[in-house]
């Protein structure tokens, strides 16, 4: 299998990022030009899929993000004051104990309910 910190974001995901007004440049993406599968042992290409016309065909590029940069980009977008809607609030050290779908509440191990 594949191992690494890269997150693939095909045209549909890239479109959503733009629709949600995420600053994609903050994620420092690499635009994929070819999909190359290599033999795990020799490193030799097993298959090569050219993506030269990808944006033309699908409307958006195929982005690759380093996981850390993507998380940071999404967090910044969710927490910032500018943009539409109320910014999210990041709460840490809250392990979910129960979700009551009917009441619309979440209870955490530390006793906090939201």
N, C-alpha and C. Protein backbone atom coordinates (compact mmCIF):
# COMPACT_ATOMS: atom_id res chain seq x y z
N UNK A 1 0.81 -1.19 0.00
CA UNK A 1 0.00 0.00 0.00
C UNK A 1 0.85 1.26 0.00
N UNK A 2 0.18 2.36 -0.16
CA UNK A 2 0.85 3.66 -0.18
C UNK A 2 1.03 4.19 1.24
N UNK A 3 2.15 4.85 1.46
CA UNK A 3 2.45 5.43 2.76
C UNK A 3 2.92 6.85 2.53
N UNK A 4 2.47 7.78 3.35
CA UNK A 4 2.94 9.15 3.20
C UNK A 4 1.98 10.15 3.79
N UNK A 5 2.36 11.39 3.68
CA UNK A 5 1.57 12.47 4.27
C UNK A 5 0.80 13.25 3.22
N UNK A 6 0.70 12.72 2.02
CA UNK A 6 0.03 13.43 0.94
C UNK A 6 -1.47 13.16 0.97
N UNK A 7 -2.26 14.22 0.74
CA UNK A 7 -3.71 14.09 0.63
C UNK A 7 -4.10 14.46 -0.79
N UNK A 8 -4.76 13.54 -1.48
CA UNK A 8 -5.23 13.80 -2.84
C UNK A 8 -6.53 14.58 -2.79
N UNK A 9 -6.64 15.56 -3.67
CA UNK A 9 -7.86 16.35 -3.76
C UNK A 9 -8.19 16.51 -5.24
N UNK A 10 -9.02 15.59 -5.73
CA UNK A 10 -9.39 15.60 -7.14
C UNK A 10 -10.30 16.80 -7.43
N UNK A 11 -10.78 16.90 -8.66
CA UNK A 11 -11.55 18.07 -9.09
C UNK A 11 -12.77 18.34 -8.21
N UNK A 12 -13.49 17.30 -7.81
CA UNK A 12 -14.68 17.53 -6.98
C UNK A 12 -14.31 18.15 -5.64
N UNK A 13 -13.25 17.68 -5.01
CA UNK A 13 -12.81 18.24 -3.74
C UNK A 13 -12.27 19.65 -3.90
N UNK A 14 -11.52 19.87 -4.97
CA UNK A 14 -10.99 21.21 -5.24
C UNK A 14 -12.13 22.18 -5.49
N UNK A 15 -13.15 21.73 -6.20
CA UNK A 15 -14.34 22.58 -6.44
C UNK A 15 -14.99 22.97 -5.11
N UNK A 16 -15.15 22.00 -4.20
CA UNK A 16 -15.76 22.31 -2.90
C UNK A 16 -14.92 23.32 -2.13
N UNK A 17 -13.61 23.15 -2.15
CA UNK A 17 -12.75 24.11 -1.45
C UNK A 17 -12.97 25.53 -1.98
N UNK A 18 -13.08 25.66 -3.29
CA UNK A 18 -13.32 26.99 -3.88
C UNK A 18 -14.73 27.49 -3.54
N UNK A 19 -15.73 26.60 -3.59
CA UNK A 19 -17.10 27.00 -3.25
C UNK A 19 -17.19 27.46 -1.80
N UNK A 20 -16.43 26.81 -0.92
CA UNK A 20 -16.43 27.18 0.51
C UNK A 20 -15.51 28.36 0.79
N UNK A 21 -14.90 28.90 -0.27
CA UNK A 21 -14.01 30.06 -0.18
C UNK A 21 -12.78 29.81 0.71
N UNK A 22 -12.29 28.58 0.68
CA UNK A 22 -11.06 28.23 1.39
C UNK A 22 -9.89 28.81 0.60
N UNK A 23 -8.93 29.39 1.30
CA UNK A 23 -7.73 29.93 0.64
C UNK A 23 -6.81 28.76 0.30
N UNK A 24 -7.04 28.18 -0.87
CA UNK A 24 -6.32 26.98 -1.30
C UNK A 24 -4.81 27.21 -1.34
N UNK A 25 -4.39 28.42 -1.69
CA UNK A 25 -2.96 28.72 -1.76
C UNK A 25 -2.27 28.52 -0.42
N UNK A 26 -3.00 28.72 0.70
CA UNK A 26 -2.42 28.50 2.04
C UNK A 26 -1.99 27.05 2.23
N UNK A 27 -2.63 26.14 1.50
CA UNK A 27 -2.29 24.73 1.61
C UNK A 27 -1.08 24.33 0.78
N UNK A 28 -0.53 25.28 0.04
CA UNK A 28 0.67 25.05 -0.78
C UNK A 28 0.54 23.77 -1.63
N UNK A 29 -0.54 23.68 -2.44
CA UNK A 29 -0.75 22.45 -3.19
C UNK A 29 0.23 22.26 -4.34
N UNK A 30 0.40 21.01 -4.70
CA UNK A 30 1.12 20.63 -5.91
C UNK A 30 0.06 20.13 -6.87
N UNK A 31 0.02 20.68 -8.08
CA UNK A 31 -0.96 20.25 -9.07
C UNK A 31 -0.43 19.00 -9.76
N UNK A 32 -1.20 17.93 -9.67
CA UNK A 32 -0.80 16.65 -10.24
C UNK A 32 -0.88 16.69 -11.76
N UNK A 33 0.19 16.31 -12.43
CA UNK A 33 0.25 16.29 -13.89
C UNK A 33 0.21 14.87 -14.45
N UNK A 34 0.65 13.91 -13.64
CA UNK A 34 0.63 12.50 -14.04
C UNK A 34 0.41 11.65 -12.79
N UNK A 35 -0.35 10.58 -12.95
CA UNK A 35 -0.46 9.56 -11.90
C UNK A 35 0.50 8.45 -12.30
N UNK A 36 1.48 8.21 -11.47
CA UNK A 36 2.48 7.18 -11.77
C UNK A 36 2.47 6.15 -10.65
N UNK A 37 2.10 4.93 -10.98
CA UNK A 37 2.17 3.83 -10.02
C UNK A 37 3.48 3.10 -10.26
N UNK A 38 4.20 2.89 -9.16
CA UNK A 38 5.51 2.25 -9.28
C UNK A 38 5.53 0.91 -8.54
N UNK A 39 6.36 0.03 -9.03
CA UNK A 39 6.59 -1.24 -8.36
C UNK A 39 7.24 -0.95 -7.01
N UNK A 40 6.70 -1.51 -5.96
CA UNK A 40 7.18 -1.21 -4.61
C UNK A 40 8.62 -1.62 -4.39
N UNK A 41 9.05 -2.64 -5.11
CA UNK A 41 10.39 -3.17 -4.89
C UNK A 41 11.45 -2.49 -5.77
N UNK A 42 11.12 -2.28 -7.03
CA UNK A 42 12.11 -1.76 -7.98
C UNK A 42 11.99 -0.25 -8.21
N UNK A 43 10.82 0.29 -7.94
CA UNK A 43 10.59 1.71 -8.21
C UNK A 43 10.28 2.00 -9.66
N UNK A 44 10.26 0.96 -10.47
CA UNK A 44 9.96 1.13 -11.90
C UNK A 44 8.47 1.44 -12.09
N UNK A 45 8.14 2.33 -13.04
CA UNK A 45 6.72 2.63 -13.31
C UNK A 45 5.97 1.39 -13.77
N UNK A 46 4.82 1.16 -13.18
CA UNK A 46 3.94 0.07 -13.58
C UNK A 46 2.88 0.62 -14.54
N UNK A 47 2.39 1.81 -14.23
CA UNK A 47 1.43 2.48 -15.11
C UNK A 47 1.59 3.99 -14.97
N UNK A 48 1.30 4.69 -16.05
CA UNK A 48 1.37 6.15 -16.07
C UNK A 48 0.08 6.66 -16.69
N UNK A 49 -0.59 7.55 -15.97
CA UNK A 49 -1.83 8.13 -16.45
C UNK A 49 -1.62 9.63 -16.59
N UNK A 50 -1.66 10.13 -17.82
CA UNK A 50 -1.39 11.53 -18.11
C UNK A 50 -2.60 12.39 -17.75
N UNK A 51 -2.37 13.50 -17.06
CA UNK A 51 -3.45 14.39 -16.62
C UNK A 51 -3.38 15.77 -17.29
N UNK A 52 -2.77 15.85 -18.46
CA UNK A 52 -2.61 17.14 -19.15
C UNK A 52 -3.93 17.86 -19.37
N UNK A 53 -5.00 17.13 -19.70
CA UNK A 53 -6.29 17.76 -19.99
C UNK A 53 -7.26 17.69 -18.80
N UNK A 54 -6.73 17.38 -17.63
CA UNK A 54 -7.58 17.15 -16.45
C UNK A 54 -8.48 18.35 -16.14
N UNK A 55 -7.90 19.54 -16.02
CA UNK A 55 -8.68 20.73 -15.68
C UNK A 55 -9.72 21.03 -16.76
N UNK A 56 -9.35 20.87 -18.00
CA UNK A 56 -10.28 21.09 -19.11
C UNK A 56 -11.45 20.12 -19.04
N UNK A 57 -11.17 18.87 -18.70
CA UNK A 57 -12.22 17.83 -18.65
C UNK A 57 -13.11 17.96 -17.43
N UNK A 58 -12.52 18.31 -16.27
CA UNK A 58 -13.24 18.25 -15.01
C UNK A 58 -13.53 19.61 -14.39
N UNK A 59 -12.94 20.67 -14.93
CA UNK A 59 -13.25 22.01 -14.45
C UNK A 59 -12.33 22.55 -13.36
N UNK A 60 -11.60 21.69 -12.71
CA UNK A 60 -10.67 22.08 -11.64
C UNK A 60 -9.44 21.18 -11.71
N UNK A 61 -8.36 21.66 -11.12
CA UNK A 61 -7.12 20.88 -11.12
C UNK A 61 -7.18 19.78 -10.07
N UNK A 62 -6.24 18.86 -10.16
CA UNK A 62 -6.08 17.77 -9.19
C UNK A 62 -4.97 18.20 -8.25
N UNK A 63 -5.33 18.61 -7.03
CA UNK A 63 -4.36 19.09 -6.05
C UNK A 63 -3.86 17.97 -5.15
N UNK A 64 -2.61 18.08 -4.78
CA UNK A 64 -2.02 17.21 -3.76
C UNK A 64 -1.55 18.13 -2.64
N UNK A 65 -1.96 17.83 -1.41
CA UNK A 65 -1.58 18.63 -0.25
C UNK A 65 -0.78 17.79 0.73
N UNK A 66 0.17 18.41 1.41
CA UNK A 66 0.78 17.76 2.57
C UNK A 66 -0.29 17.81 3.65
N UNK A 67 -0.52 16.72 4.33
CA UNK A 67 -1.58 16.61 5.32
C UNK A 67 -1.55 17.77 6.33
N UNK A 68 -0.39 18.10 6.84
CA UNK A 68 -0.26 19.17 7.84
C UNK A 68 -0.72 20.51 7.26
N UNK A 69 -0.33 20.79 6.01
CA UNK A 69 -0.71 22.06 5.38
C UNK A 69 -2.21 22.11 5.11
N UNK A 70 -2.78 20.97 4.70
CA UNK A 70 -4.21 20.94 4.43
C UNK A 70 -5.00 21.16 5.71
N UNK A 71 -4.61 20.48 6.78
CA UNK A 71 -5.30 20.67 8.06
C UNK A 71 -5.24 22.13 8.49
N UNK A 72 -4.08 22.74 8.37
CA UNK A 72 -3.90 24.13 8.75
C UNK A 72 -4.77 25.05 7.89
N UNK A 73 -4.81 24.80 6.59
CA UNK A 73 -5.61 25.59 5.66
C UNK A 73 -7.09 25.51 6.03
N UNK A 74 -7.59 24.30 6.30
CA UNK A 74 -9.00 24.11 6.65
C UNK A 74 -9.32 24.72 8.01
N UNK A 75 -8.42 24.55 8.97
CA UNK A 75 -8.62 25.14 10.30
C UNK A 75 -8.69 26.66 10.21
N UNK A 76 -7.74 27.25 9.51
CA UNK A 76 -7.73 28.71 9.35
C UNK A 76 -9.03 29.20 8.72
N UNK A 77 -9.50 28.49 7.71
CA UNK A 77 -10.73 28.89 7.02
C UNK A 77 -11.94 28.79 7.96
N UNK A 78 -11.98 27.75 8.76
CA UNK A 78 -13.12 27.55 9.67
C UNK A 78 -13.14 28.54 10.82
N UNK A 79 -11.96 28.96 11.29
CA UNK A 79 -11.88 29.80 12.49
C UNK A 79 -11.82 31.30 12.20
N UNK A 80 -11.53 31.69 10.96
CA UNK A 80 -11.32 33.12 10.70
C UNK A 80 -12.63 33.90 10.72
N UNK A 81 -12.51 35.17 11.08
CA UNK A 81 -13.67 36.05 11.20
C UNK A 81 -14.26 36.44 9.85
N UNK A 82 -13.39 36.60 8.83
CA UNK A 82 -13.92 37.02 7.53
C UNK A 82 -14.67 35.87 6.87
N UNK A 83 -15.53 36.21 5.96
CA UNK A 83 -16.29 35.19 5.26
C UNK A 83 -17.71 35.10 5.77
N UNK A 84 -18.45 34.18 5.19
CA UNK A 84 -19.85 34.01 5.54
C UNK A 84 -20.02 33.18 6.80
N UNK A 85 -21.06 33.48 7.55
CA UNK A 85 -21.41 32.67 8.71
C UNK A 85 -20.57 32.93 9.93
N UNK A 86 -20.94 32.26 10.99
CA UNK A 86 -20.24 32.36 12.26
C UNK A 86 -19.00 31.48 12.23
N UNK A 87 -17.86 32.02 12.64
CA UNK A 87 -16.65 31.19 12.66
C UNK A 87 -16.82 30.00 13.61
N UNK A 88 -16.17 28.92 13.28
CA UNK A 88 -16.17 27.75 14.16
C UNK A 88 -15.34 28.06 15.40
N UNK A 89 -15.56 27.28 16.44
CA UNK A 89 -14.77 27.39 17.66
C UNK A 89 -14.07 26.05 17.85
N UNK A 90 -12.75 26.09 17.99
CA UNK A 90 -11.98 24.86 18.16
C UNK A 90 -11.90 24.53 19.64
N UNK A 91 -12.41 23.36 20.00
CA UNK A 91 -12.40 22.91 21.39
C UNK A 91 -11.61 21.61 21.44
N UNK A 92 -10.62 21.55 22.32
CA UNK A 92 -9.78 20.36 22.43
C UNK A 92 -10.03 19.65 23.75
N UNK A 93 -9.50 18.43 23.87
CA UNK A 93 -9.62 17.62 25.09
C UNK A 93 -11.07 17.34 25.47
N UNK A 94 -11.88 17.01 24.48
CA UNK A 94 -13.27 16.65 24.69
C UNK A 94 -13.54 15.34 23.97
N UNK A 95 -13.57 14.25 24.71
CA UNK A 95 -13.85 12.94 24.12
C UNK A 95 -15.36 12.71 24.18
N UNK A 96 -15.95 12.44 23.02
CA UNK A 96 -17.39 12.24 22.95
C UNK A 96 -17.80 10.97 23.68
N UNK A 97 -18.79 11.12 24.55
CA UNK A 97 -19.31 9.99 25.32
C UNK A 97 -20.65 9.53 24.74
N UNK A 98 -21.47 10.51 24.31
CA UNK A 98 -22.80 10.17 23.81
C UNK A 98 -23.29 11.26 22.85
N UNK A 99 -24.01 10.82 21.82
CA UNK A 99 -24.67 11.74 20.90
C UNK A 99 -26.15 11.43 20.94
N UNK A 100 -26.96 12.43 21.31
CA UNK A 100 -28.41 12.29 21.32
C UNK A 100 -28.95 13.01 20.10
N UNK A 101 -29.22 12.26 19.05
CA UNK A 101 -29.66 12.85 17.79
C UNK A 101 -31.02 13.52 17.95
N UNK A 102 -31.91 12.92 18.71
CA UNK A 102 -33.25 13.49 18.91
C UNK A 102 -33.19 14.84 19.60
N UNK A 103 -32.37 14.95 20.65
CA UNK A 103 -32.26 16.20 21.41
C UNK A 103 -31.26 17.17 20.78
N UNK A 104 -30.41 16.66 19.89
CA UNK A 104 -29.38 17.51 19.28
C UNK A 104 -28.28 17.88 20.25
N UNK A 105 -27.92 16.94 21.13
CA UNK A 105 -26.87 17.22 22.12
C UNK A 105 -25.75 16.19 22.05
N UNK A 106 -24.59 16.63 22.48
CA UNK A 106 -23.42 15.77 22.59
C UNK A 106 -22.93 15.87 24.02
N UNK A 107 -22.66 14.74 24.65
CA UNK A 107 -22.11 14.71 26.00
C UNK A 107 -20.68 14.20 25.92
N UNK A 108 -19.79 14.88 26.63
CA UNK A 108 -18.38 14.53 26.62
C UNK A 108 -17.98 13.90 27.94
N UNK A 109 -16.87 13.15 27.92
CA UNK A 109 -16.36 12.48 29.12
C UNK A 109 -16.10 13.43 30.28
N UNK A 110 -15.76 14.68 29.97
CA UNK A 110 -15.46 15.65 31.02
C UNK A 110 -16.71 16.31 31.60
N UNK A 111 -17.90 15.83 31.20
CA UNK A 111 -19.15 16.36 31.73
C UNK A 111 -19.76 17.49 30.94
N UNK A 112 -19.04 18.05 30.00
CA UNK A 112 -19.55 19.15 29.18
C UNK A 112 -20.58 18.61 28.19
N UNK A 113 -21.67 19.36 28.02
CA UNK A 113 -22.69 19.02 27.04
C UNK A 113 -22.81 20.16 26.04
N UNK A 114 -22.95 19.81 24.79
CA UNK A 114 -23.11 20.84 23.75
C UNK A 114 -24.32 20.52 22.91
